[in-house]
Amino acid sequence: MSSAQDPFYIVKEEIQDSVNTLQATFHQWEHIPVASGEQTRLTKEILSNCDSIEWQVDELEKAISVAARDPALYGIDQAELERRVKWTRTTRTQVTNVKKIVTGTGSSSFNGMRQELMRLPSPYRTDNASSYVAKDNDDFISSESDRQMLLIRRQDEELDELSASVERIGSVGLTIHDELGAQEKLLDELGTEMDSTTNRLDFVQKKVAVVMKKASVKGQMMMICFLIILFVVLFVLVFLT
């Protein structure tokens, strides 16, 4: 299953958008005077966003745990599964740190939490956990960049195929149009010939009717006899000589 069609990446993008919004709101919260009405409002908004993101991460972790039972069934490998677990863990840590800061439970480590939230390097963090988060962030950025490039490339290929299909359809349409034009021309010519033949036939019928009307019964009998004699003569000439 491609990244563009994988439900994990669809939900992941939605959660990441929510995290970005949370970071922007948190940045505003930092620069507002303490105990002001605006800070109280932003605190409520940040906590509400944190709860929403945590719920989404919980649901995503449940889906990951289901996929972990049989990764091959869902078309993913162990490395991809580990990357997904790392991303959800990092996201949850970021949200937890924000909640601690805005509620005052993490004020003693405010600078460290703020740096982790904003994903900035800290000269004081040299432990294994910090290195792990930094590496995970690099892997995530690299993975997202590769996925975006792959998506753009596939969209370009689909657009090229669509353009070629449109050109073929246009060519077929022009051929059908020319064929219909030729058929219409033939039908017009046939109709003209039919009308001309019908007129000539009507004229001949009228002439024959006039001749028959003018000829007497005796004249008609003589004509019939003449035709019979002529037929006999022709028969003798052809078959007996």
C-alpha atoms as a PDB file:
ATOM      1  CA  MET A   1       0.000   0.000   0.000  1.00  0.00           C
ATOM      2  CA  SER A   2       1.452   3.407  -0.970  1.00  0.00           C
ATOM      3  CA  SER A   3       1.953   6.191   1.550  1.00  0.00           C
ATOM      4  CA  ALA A   4      -0.673   8.319  -0.198  1.00  0.00           C
ATOM      5  CA  GLN A   5      -3.271   5.574   0.322  1.00  0.00           C
ATOM      6  CA  ASP A   6      -2.158   4.429   3.788  1.00  0.00           C
ATOM      7  CA  PRO A   7      -4.713   5.553   6.419  1.00  0.00           C
ATOM      8  CA  PHE A   8      -1.864   5.972   8.910  1.00  0.00           C
ATOM      9  CA  TYR A   9      -0.314   8.805   6.896  1.00  0.00           C
ATOM     10  CA  ILE A  10      -3.696  10.471   6.379  1.00  0.00           C
ATOM     11  CA  VAL A  11      -4.352  10.535  10.138  1.00  0.00           C
ATOM     12  CA  LYS A  12      -0.717  11.409  10.765  1.00  0.00           C
ATOM     13  CA  GLU A  13      -0.983  14.530   8.594  1.00  0.00           C
ATOM     14  CA  GLU A  14      -4.126  15.618  10.428  1.00  0.00           C
ATOM     15  CA  ILE A  15      -2.426  15.153  13.808  1.00  0.00           C
ATOM     16  CA  GLN A  16       0.702  16.954  12.628  1.00  0.00           C
ATOM     17  CA  ASP A  17      -1.424  19.918  11.498  1.00  0.00           C
ATOM     18  CA  SER A  18      -3.005  19.986  14.958  1.00  0.00           C
ATOM     19  CA  VAL A  19       0.457  19.866  16.576  1.00  0.00           C
ATOM     20  CA  ASN A  20       1.645  22.755  14.399  1.00  0.00           C
ATOM     21  CA  THR A  21      -1.397  24.777  15.436  1.00  0.00           C
ATOM     22  CA  LEU A  22      -0.717  23.878  19.060  1.00  0.00           C
ATOM     23  CA  GLN A  23       2.882  25.071  18.757  1.00  0.00           C
ATOM     24  CA  ALA A  24       1.761  28.385  17.254  1.00  0.00           C
ATOM     25  CA  THR A  25      -0.769  28.918  20.048  1.00  0.00           C
ATOM     26  CA  PHE A  26       1.836  27.969  22.654  1.00  0.00           C
ATOM     27  CA  HIS A  27       4.229  30.517  21.164  1.00  0.00           C
ATOM     28  CA  GLN A  28       1.561  33.223  21.623  1.00  0.00           C
ATOM     29  CA  TRP A  29       0.944  32.020  25.167  1.00  0.00           C
ATOM     30  CA  GLU A  30       4.625  32.466  26.028  1.00  0.00           C
ATOM     31  CA  HIS A  31       4.603  36.156  25.113  1.00  0.00           C
ATOM     32  CA  ILE A  32       1.411  37.126  26.949  1.00  0.00           C
ATOM     33  CA  PRO A  33       1.633  38.632  30.469  1.00  0.00           C
ATOM     34  CA  VAL A  34       1.035  36.136  33.241  1.00  0.00           C
ATOM     35  CA  ALA A  35      -2.451  35.995  34.801  1.00  0.00           C
ATOM     36  CA  SER A  36      -3.964  38.114  32.025  1.00  0.00           C
ATOM     37  CA  GLY A  37      -7.348  37.315  30.574  1.00  0.00           C
ATOM     38  CA  GLU A  38      -5.853  36.498  27.169  1.00  0.00           C
ATOM     39  CA  GLN A  39      -3.438  34.000  28.715  1.00  0.00           C
ATOM     40  CA  THR A  40      -6.294  32.303  30.537  1.00  0.00           C
ATOM     41  CA  ARG A  41      -8.192  31.967  27.283  1.00  0.00           C
ATOM     42  CA  LEU A  42      -5.174  30.583  25.451  1.00  0.00           C
ATOM     43  CA  THR A  43      -4.493  28.184  28.324  1.00  0.00           C
ATOM     44  CA  LYS A  44      -7.972  26.696  27.956  1.00  0.00           C
ATOM     45  CA  GLU A  45      -7.558  26.503  24.185  1.00  0.00           C
ATOM     46  CA  ILE A  46      -4.148  24.804  24.485  1.00  0.00           C
ATOM     47  CA  LEU A  47      -5.407  22.242  27.023  1.00  0.00           C
ATOM     48  CA  SER A  48      -8.411  21.477  24.820  1.00  0.00           C
ATOM     49  CA  ASN A  49      -6.131  20.985  21.806  1.00  0.00           C
ATOM     50  CA  CYS A  50      -3.812  18.778  23.848  1.00  0.00           C
ATOM     51  CA  ASP A  51      -6.705  16.543  24.902  1.00  0.00           C
ATOM     52  CA  SER A  52      -7.879  16.269  21.289  1.00  0.00           C
ATOM     53  CA  ILE A  53      -4.399  15.389  20.006  1.00  0.00           C
ATOM     54  CA  GLU A  54      -3.849  12.838  22.771  1.00  0.00           C
ATOM     55  CA  TRP A  55      -7.122  11.155  21.882  1.00  0.00           C
ATOM     56  CA  GLN A  56      -6.126  10.995  18.203  1.00  0.00           C
ATOM     57  CA  VAL A  57      -2.705   9.603  19.129  1.00  0.00           C
ATOM     58  CA  ASP A  58      -4.392   6.972  21.330  1.00  0.00           C
ATOM     59  CA  GLU A  59      -6.544   5.851  18.418  1.00  0.00           C
ATOM     60  CA  LEU A  60      -3.531   5.796  16.106  1.00  0.00           C
ATOM     61  CA  GLU A  61      -1.566   3.694  18.597  1.00  0.00           C
ATOM     62  CA  LYS A  62      -4.454   1.220  18.752  1.00  0.00           C
ATOM     63  CA  ALA A  63      -4.340   0.906  14.967  1.00  0.00           C
ATOM     64  CA  ILE A  64      -0.564   0.408  15.103  1.00  0.00           C
ATOM     65  CA  SER A  65      -0.948  -2.326  17.696  1.00  0.00           C
ATOM     66  CA  VAL A  66      -3.421  -4.103  15.427  1.00  0.00           C
ATOM     67  CA  ALA A  67      -1.020  -3.848  12.477  1.00  0.00           C
ATOM     68  CA  ALA A  68       1.845  -5.097  14.660  1.00  0.00           C
ATOM     69  CA  ARG A  69       0.125  -8.461  15.041  1.00  0.00           C
ATOM     70  CA  ASP A  70       0.542  -9.194  11.332  1.00  0.00           C
ATOM     71  CA  PRO A  71       2.529  -6.450   9.503  1.00  0.00           C
ATOM     72  CA  ALA A  72       2.631  -8.395   6.237  1.00  0.00           C
ATOM     73  CA  LEU A  73      -1.161  -8.357   6.069  1.00  0.00           C
ATOM     74  CA  TYR A  74      -1.123  -4.568   5.961  1.00  0.00           C
ATOM     75  CA  GLY A  75       1.833  -4.312   3.586  1.00  0.00           C
ATOM     76  CA  ILE A  76       4.354  -2.857   6.055  1.00  0.00           C
ATOM     77  CA  ASP A  77       7.649  -4.111   7.424  1.00  0.00           C
ATOM     78  CA  GLN A  78       9.117  -4.044  10.918  1.00  0.00           C
ATOM     79  CA  ALA A  79      11.180  -0.912  10.249  1.00  0.00           C
ATOM     80  CA  GLU A  80       8.108   1.013   9.136  1.00  0.00           C
ATOM     81  CA  LEU A  81       6.232  -0.222  12.181  1.00  0.00           C
ATOM     82  CA  GLU A  82       9.000   1.036  14.459  1.00  0.00           C
ATOM     83  CA  ARG A  83       8.999   4.436  12.746  1.00  0.00           C
ATOM     84  CA  ARG A  84       5.290   4.758  13.357  1.00  0.00           C
ATOM     85  CA  VAL A  85       5.661   3.864  17.024  1.00  0.00           C
ATOM     86  CA  LYS A  86       8.494   6.377  17.412  1.00  0.00           C
ATOM     87  CA  TRP A  87       6.450   9.145  15.798  1.00  0.00           C
ATOM     88  CA  THR A  88       3.431   8.604  18.048  1.00  0.00           C
ATOM     89  CA  ARG A  89       5.704   8.455  21.105  1.00  0.00           C
ATOM     90  CA  THR A  90       7.436  11.732  20.139  1.00  0.00           C
ATOM     91  CA  THR A  91       4.129  13.467  19.433  1.00  0.00           C
ATOM     92  CA  ARG A  92       2.695  12.369  22.761  1.00  0.00           C
ATOM     93  CA  THR A  93       5.819  13.658  24.549  1.00  0.00           C
ATOM     94  CA  GLN A  94       5.475  17.060  22.891  1.00  0.00           C
ATOM     95  CA  VAL A  95       1.819  17.369  23.876  1.00  0.00           C
ATOM     96  CA  THR A  96       2.534  16.246  27.435  1.00  0.00           C
ATOM     97  CA  ASN A  97       5.288  18.857  27.795  1.00  0.00           C
ATOM     98  CA  VAL A  98       2.949  21.609  26.618  1.00  0.00           C
ATOM     99  CA  LYS A  99       0.335  20.587  29.165  1.00  0.00           C
ATOM    100  CA  LYS A 100       2.911  20.595  31.950  1.00  0.00           C
ATOM    101  CA  ILE A 101       4.108  24.066  31.024  1.00  0.00           C
ATOM    102  CA  VAL A 102       0.714  25.763  30.705  1.00  0.00           C
ATOM    103  CA  THR A 103      -0.611  24.122  33.877  1.00  0.00           C
ATOM    104  CA  GLY A 104       2.521  25.049  35.852  1.00  0.00           C
ATOM    105  CA  THR A 105       3.481  21.487  36.721  1.00  0.00           C
ATOM    106  CA  GLY A 106       6.601  21.622  34.610  1.00  0.00           C
ATOM    107  CA  SER A 107       7.841  25.173  35.238  1.00  0.00           C
ATOM    108  CA  SER A 108      11.113  23.997  36.767  1.00  0.00           C
ATOM    109  CA  SER A 109      12.181  22.491  33.443  1.00  0.00           C
ATOM    110  CA  PHE A 110      10.504  25.094  31.259  1.00  0.00           C
ATOM    111  CA  ASN A 111      13.488  25.773  28.985  1.00  0.00           C
ATOM    112  CA  GLY A 112      14.170  22.097  28.357  1.00  0.00           C
ATOM    113  CA  MET A 113      10.532  21.359  27.587  1.00  0.00           C
ATOM    114  CA  ARG A 114      10.245  24.373  25.319  1.00  0.00           C
ATOM    115  CA  GLN A 115      13.319  23.296  23.365  1.00  0.00           C
ATOM    116  CA  GLU A 116      11.974  19.766  22.975  1.00  0.00           C
ATOM    117  CA  LEU A 117       8.596  21.092  21.893  1.00  0.00           C
ATOM    118  CA  MET A 118      10.066  23.416  19.283  1.00  0.00           C
ATOM    119  CA  ARG A 119      12.587  20.709  18.265  1.00  0.00           C
ATOM    120  CA  LEU A 120      15.590  22.966  18.846  1.00  0.00           C
ATOM    121  CA  PRO A 121      19.029  21.567  19.766  1.00  0.00           C
ATOM    122  CA  SER A 122      19.967  22.094  23.441  1.00  0.00           C
ATOM    123  CA  PRO A 123      23.573  22.311  24.589  1.00  0.00           C
ATOM    124  CA  TYR A 124      22.574  20.830  27.969  1.00  0.00           C
ATOM    125  CA  ARG A 125      20.910  17.668  26.657  1.00  0.00           C
ATOM    126  CA  THR A 126      23.528  15.027  26.102  1.00  0.00           C
ATOM    127  CA  ASP A 127      21.671  11.996  27.321  1.00  0.00           C
ATOM    128  CA  ASN A 128      20.555   9.061  25.167  1.00  0.00           C
ATOM    129  CA  ALA A 129      16.916  10.125  25.172  1.00  0.00           C
ATOM    130  CA  SER A 130      17.750  13.487  23.559  1.00  0.00           C
ATOM    131  CA  SER A 131      19.824  11.831  20.864  1.00  0.00           C
ATOM    132  CA  TYR A 132      16.999   9.395  20.243  1.00  0.00           C
ATOM    133  CA  VAL A 133      14.455  12.203  19.776  1.00  0.00           C
ATOM    134  CA  ALA A 134      16.778  14.148  17.459  1.00  0.00           C
ATOM    135  CA  LYS A 135      17.391  11.074  15.313  1.00  0.00           C
ATOM    136  CA  ASP A 136      13.697  10.318  15.217  1.00  0.00           C
ATOM    137  CA  ASN A 137      12.980  13.875  14.079  1.00  0.00           C
ATOM    138  CA  ASP A 138      15.545  13.573  11.286  1.00  0.00           C
ATOM    139  CA  ASP A 139      14.068  10.246  10.182  1.00  0.00           C
ATOM    140  CA  PHE A 140      10.592  11.731  10.235  1.00  0.00           C
ATOM    141  CA  ILE A 141      11.596  14.772   8.154  1.00  0.00           C
ATOM    142  CA  SER A 142      13.450  12.558   5.666  1.00  0.00           C
ATOM    143  CA  SER A 143      10.506  10.178   5.428  1.00  0.00           C
ATOM    144  CA  GLU A 144       8.052  13.030   4.880  1.00  0.00           C
ATOM    145  CA  SER A 145      10.276  14.592   2.212  1.00  0.00           C
ATOM    146  CA  ASP A 146      10.607  11.296   0.344  1.00  0.00           C
ATOM    147  CA  ARG A 147       6.876  10.696   0.576  1.00  0.00           C
ATOM    148  CA  GLN A 148       6.086  14.153  -0.789  1.00  0.00           C
ATOM    149  CA  MET A 149       8.503  13.699  -3.704  1.00  0.00           C
ATOM    150  CA  LEU A 150       7.013  10.283  -4.490  1.00  0.00           C
ATOM    151  CA  LEU A 151       3.498  11.722  -4.355  1.00  0.00           C
ATOM    152  CA  ILE A 152       4.434  14.589  -6.691  1.00  0.00           C
ATOM    153  CA  ARG A 153       6.111  12.173  -9.120  1.00  0.00           C
ATOM    154  CA  ARG A 154       3.054   9.913  -9.190  1.00  0.00           C
ATOM    155  CA  GLN A 155       0.765  12.906  -9.727  1.00  0.00           C
ATOM    156  CA  ASP A 156       2.921  13.999 -12.676  1.00  0.00           C
ATOM    157  CA  GLU A 157       2.743  10.512 -14.168  1.00  0.00           C
ATOM    158  CA  GLU A 158      -1.032  10.400 -13.722  1.00  0.00           C
ATOM    159  CA  LEU A 159      -1.369  13.828 -15.377  1.00  0.00           C
ATOM    160  CA  ASP A 160       0.755  12.651 -18.325  1.00  0.00           C
ATOM    161  CA  GLU A 161      -1.414   9.549 -18.718  1.00  0.00           C
ATOM    162  CA  LEU A 162      -4.563  11.661 -18.498  1.00  0.00           C
ATOM    163  CA  SER A 163      -3.231  14.066 -21.124  1.00  0.00           C
ATOM    164  CA  ALA A 164      -2.423  11.174 -23.487  1.00  0.00           C
ATOM    165  CA  SER A 165      -5.896   9.702 -22.953  1.00  0.00           C
ATOM    166  CA  VAL A 166      -7.524  13.052 -23.726  1.00  0.00           C
ATOM    167  CA  GLU A 167      -5.492  13.340 -26.935  1.00  0.00           C
ATOM    168  CA  ARG A 168      -6.521   9.835 -28.014  1.00  0.00           C
ATOM    169  CA  ILE A 169     -10.177  10.559 -27.268  1.00  0.00           C
ATOM    170  CA  GLY A 170      -9.931  13.816 -29.228  1.00  0.00           C
ATOM    171  CA  SER A 171      -8.411  12.000 -32.212  1.00  0.00           C
ATOM    172  CA  VAL A 172     -11.138   9.341 -32.127  1.00  0.00           C
ATOM    173  CA  GLY A 173     -13.775  12.066 -31.887  1.00  0.00           C
ATOM    174  CA  LEU A 174     -12.401  13.819 -34.991  1.00  0.00           C
ATOM    175  CA  THR A 175     -12.346  10.523 -36.910  1.00  0.00           C
ATOM    176  CA  ILE A 176     -15.958   9.807 -35.956  1.00  0.00           C
ATOM    177  CA  HIS A 177     -16.941  13.341 -36.978  1.00  0.00           C
ATOM    178  CA  ASP A 178     -15.314  12.941 -40.420  1.00  0.00           C
ATOM    179  CA  GLU A 179     -16.958   9.545 -40.894  1.00  0.00           C
ATOM    180  CA  LEU A 180     -20.368  10.902 -39.962  1.00  0.00           C
ATOM    181  CA  GLY A 181     -19.867  13.792 -42.395  1.00  0.00           C
ATOM    182  CA  ALA A 182     -19.048  11.358 -45.218  1.00  0.00           C
ATOM    183  CA  GLN A 183     -22.052   9.163 -44.388  1.00  0.00           C
ATOM    184  CA  GLU A 184     -24.318  12.199 -44.318  1.00  0.00           C
ATOM    185  CA  LYS A 185     -23.032  13.270 -47.749  1.00  0.00           C
ATOM    186  CA  LEU A 186     -23.695   9.785 -49.188  1.00  0.00           C
ATOM    187  CA  LEU A 187     -27.211   9.789 -47.753  1.00  0.00           C
ATOM    188  CA  ASP A 188     -27.890  13.201 -49.295  1.00  0.00           C
ATOM    189  CA  GLU A 189     -26.681  11.968 -52.718  1.00  0.00           C
ATOM    190  CA  LEU A 190     -28.784   8.798 -52.436  1.00  0.00           C
ATOM    191  CA  GLY A 191     -31.834  10.838 -51.499  1.00  0.00           C
ATOM    192  CA  THR A 192     -31.304  13.121 -54.508  1.00  0.00           C
ATOM    193  CA  GLU A 193     -30.999  10.136 -56.869  1.00  0.00           C
ATOM    194  CA  MET A 194     -34.117   8.536 -55.370  1.00  0.00           C
ATOM    195  CA  ASP A 195     -36.090  11.734 -55.912  1.00  0.00           C
ATOM    196  CA  SER A 196     -34.854  12.005 -59.529  1.00  0.00           C
ATOM    197  CA  THR A 197     -35.694   8.345 -60.261  1.00  0.00           C
ATOM    198  CA  THR A 198     -39.137   8.699 -58.712  1.00  0.00           C
ATOM    199  CA  ASN A 199     -39.863  11.775 -60.849  1.00  0.00           C
ATOM    200  CA  ARG A 200     -38.772  10.002 -64.052  1.00  0.00           C
ATOM    201  CA  LEU A 201     -40.848   6.933 -63.189  1.00  0.00           C
ATOM    202  CA  ASP A 202     -43.903   9.086 -62.539  1.00  0.00           C
ATOM    203  CA  PHE A 203     -43.358  10.813 -65.898  1.00  0.00           C
ATOM    204  CA  VAL A 204     -43.113   7.468 -67.778  1.00  0.00           C
ATOM    205  CA  GLN A 205     -46.224   6.146 -66.053  1.00  0.00           C
ATOM    206  CA  LYS A 206     -48.157   9.243 -67.035  1.00  0.00           C
ATOM    207  CA  LYS A 207     -46.982   8.941 -70.660  1.00  0.00           C
ATOM    208  CA  VAL A 208     -47.957   5.255 -70.811  1.00  0.00           C
ATOM    209  CA  ALA A 209     -51.362   6.077 -69.358  1.00  0.00           C
ATOM    210  CA  VAL A 210     -51.867   8.795 -71.991  1.00  0.00           C
ATOM    211  CA  VAL A 211     -50.846   6.458 -74.870  1.00  0.00           C
ATOM    212  CA  MET A 212     -53.101   3.662 -73.600  1.00  0.00           C
ATOM    213  CA  LYS A 213     -55.941   6.071 -73.214  1.00  0.00           C
ATOM    214  CA  LYS A 214     -55.566   7.423 -76.760  1.00  0.00           C
ATOM    215  CA  ALA A 215     -55.184   4.005 -78.421  1.00  0.00           C
ATOM    216  CA  SER A 216     -58.438   2.190 -79.416  1.00  0.00           C
ATOM    217  CA  VAL A 217     -59.194  -1.414 -78.593  1.00  0.00           C
ATOM    218  CA  LYS A 218     -58.525  -2.396 -82.196  1.00  0.00           C
ATOM    219  CA  GLY A 219     -55.213  -0.624 -82.232  1.00  0.00           C
ATOM    220  CA  GLN A 220     -54.241  -2.344 -79.017  1.00  0.00           C
ATOM    221  CA  MET A 221     -55.078  -5.773 -80.458  1.00  0.00           C
ATOM    222  CA  MET A 222     -53.059  -5.050 -83.577  1.00  0.00           C
ATOM    223  CA  MET A 223     -50.104  -3.975 -81.484  1.00  0.00           C
ATOM    224  CA  ILE A 224     -50.314  -7.172 -79.474  1.00  0.00           C
ATOM    225  CA  CYS A 225     -50.449  -9.281 -82.589  1.00  0.00           C
ATOM    226  CA  PHE A 226     -47.500  -7.398 -84.071  1.00  0.00           C
ATOM    227  CA  LEU A 227     -45.469  -8.026 -80.940  1.00  0.00           C
ATOM    228  CA  ILE A 228     -46.364 -11.737 -81.006  1.00  0.00           C
ATOM    229  CA  ILE A 229     -45.312 -12.060 -84.650  1.00  0.00           C
ATOM    230  CA  LEU A 230     -42.103 -10.186 -83.934  1.00  0.00           C
ATOM    231  CA  PHE A 231     -41.373 -12.532 -81.017  1.00  0.00           C
ATOM    232  CA  VAL A 232     -41.927 -15.597 -83.216  1.00  0.00           C
ATOM    233  CA  VAL A 233     -39.648 -14.252 -85.937  1.00  0.00           C
ATOM    234  CA  LEU A 234     -36.921 -13.498 -83.450  1.00  0.00           C
ATOM    235  CA  PHE A 235     -37.295 -16.961 -81.905  1.00  0.00           C
ATOM    236  CA  VAL A 236     -36.923 -18.639 -85.311  1.00  0.00           C
ATOM    237  CA  LEU A 237     -33.912 -16.527 -86.221  1.00  0.00           C
ATOM    238  CA  VAL A 238     -32.150 -17.257 -82.983  1.00  0.00           C
ATOM    239  CA  PHE A 239     -32.851 -20.958 -82.420  1.00  0.00           C
ATOM    240  CA  LEU A 240     -33.602 -22.419 -85.884  1.00  0.00           C
ATOM    241  CA  THR A 241     -30.957 -20.807 -88.067  1.00  0.00           C
END
